[in-house]
Amino acid sequence: MIDSTFYEQLIRIDGSLLQSCLVLFMALLISRVAPISRKYHPIVWFHQLAILLSQKVSHPQRDPKQQLTAGLLASILLVVPIWFTTYFILSLAAYPWFFDFVLLYFCISDAGFKPVAKDVVSSLEHGQKELAKSYLSPWLTQQTSSLSEIGICKATIERLLISPSYGTVATILFYGLGGTPLVLLLHLLKQLEHCWPNYVPQYRFFSAPIYFLNRFIYAIPIWLWNFTLVLQGGLKNINILFKQPSHTDGIYGYSSLFIGSKILQVELGGPQKFVINHKEQRVAINKINPSRMPEILDIKNAISLTSWAVTFWISFTIAIPILWTALRWLQAM
């Protein structure tokens, strides 16, 4: 029989590990149970700041090298002060676990979209297309005012398929590798990619440093997320992981969109509209898996597909401390 000394030794030896796992699990859980409203999310203010800065320093008529330099300097100017200030506060905090929890909660920015997707479904089922657009607008860089019902379905499914890779999966992986400071740093870099889409001609060279850096950083989280999607869609789709088009037009999360479109058997992608410097611009984007157009039912299927995949990763975070404690217990017997 194991007496109280086992638990005392467990806390003394592995207390920091168990605490970190608990903080991460609670952040993942509460971000789903009580997600923060998009308009109050700090990342929206970061988006607005990034867009305002790009309007000042992004000049597509200039030489590509000058645009690359401007994009790199703008990225440093936006990310480094925020990250350094936060890191300094964390190093001085009396209860660092609390600030870890808060930052992780904010970095899991994909959690709040699932209820939005359900609201979009409800609006479309009641013929309220304009209401569905208003739900989507805060979450998308593209313009939603001219979206058709098919366009709304595509945009909703695409967001469901992409966001957990850099929200949930990347947070779990990078928190284990470098803690909250690393999660925050890489999350800010990813958000810049959303603010300055590389497939928009205006940002083709300006956002190139961020785009290629994120492709390297997020390669493993995206692959892990894609593998989880494939498992939810059935092992018959395993070959999709290794047979994907190499040309992605600078679209973030293209591989997840491709896999999702194959599993759901719908067409994704297509042209998008943006407002850049107060001018509307239409950007031609290749269609992904041209086939059947998505419908309302396909949004529901995408919600189910991604929900089970996210549940797997949340369960994974709580399974680690349970298995570790069990191994310690067996060792102490």
Foldseek 3Di string as FASTA:
>chain_A
DDDCVLVVVCCVPCVVVVLLLVLLLVLLVCCQVPNDDLVPQVLLVLLVVLQVLCLVLQDLVDDLVSLLVSLVVSLCVSQVVVLVVLVVCLVPDPCNSVVLSVLLNSQLVLNPLLVLLVVLLVCVVVVNNVVNLVSCVSVAQFHSPPDDQLRSLQSSLVSLQARCLLRVQVSVVQCVVPRSSRNSRLSSLVSSCRSQQCLDSSCVSNCVVSLVVNCVVSVVSLLLLLVLLCVLLPVVLVCLSVDDDPDFSRGPSSSSVLSLCVSLVAKHDAWTWHQHPNRIDIGGGDIHNPDHRDHSVSSVVSSVSSVVSSVVSSVVSVVVVVVVSVVSVVVVD
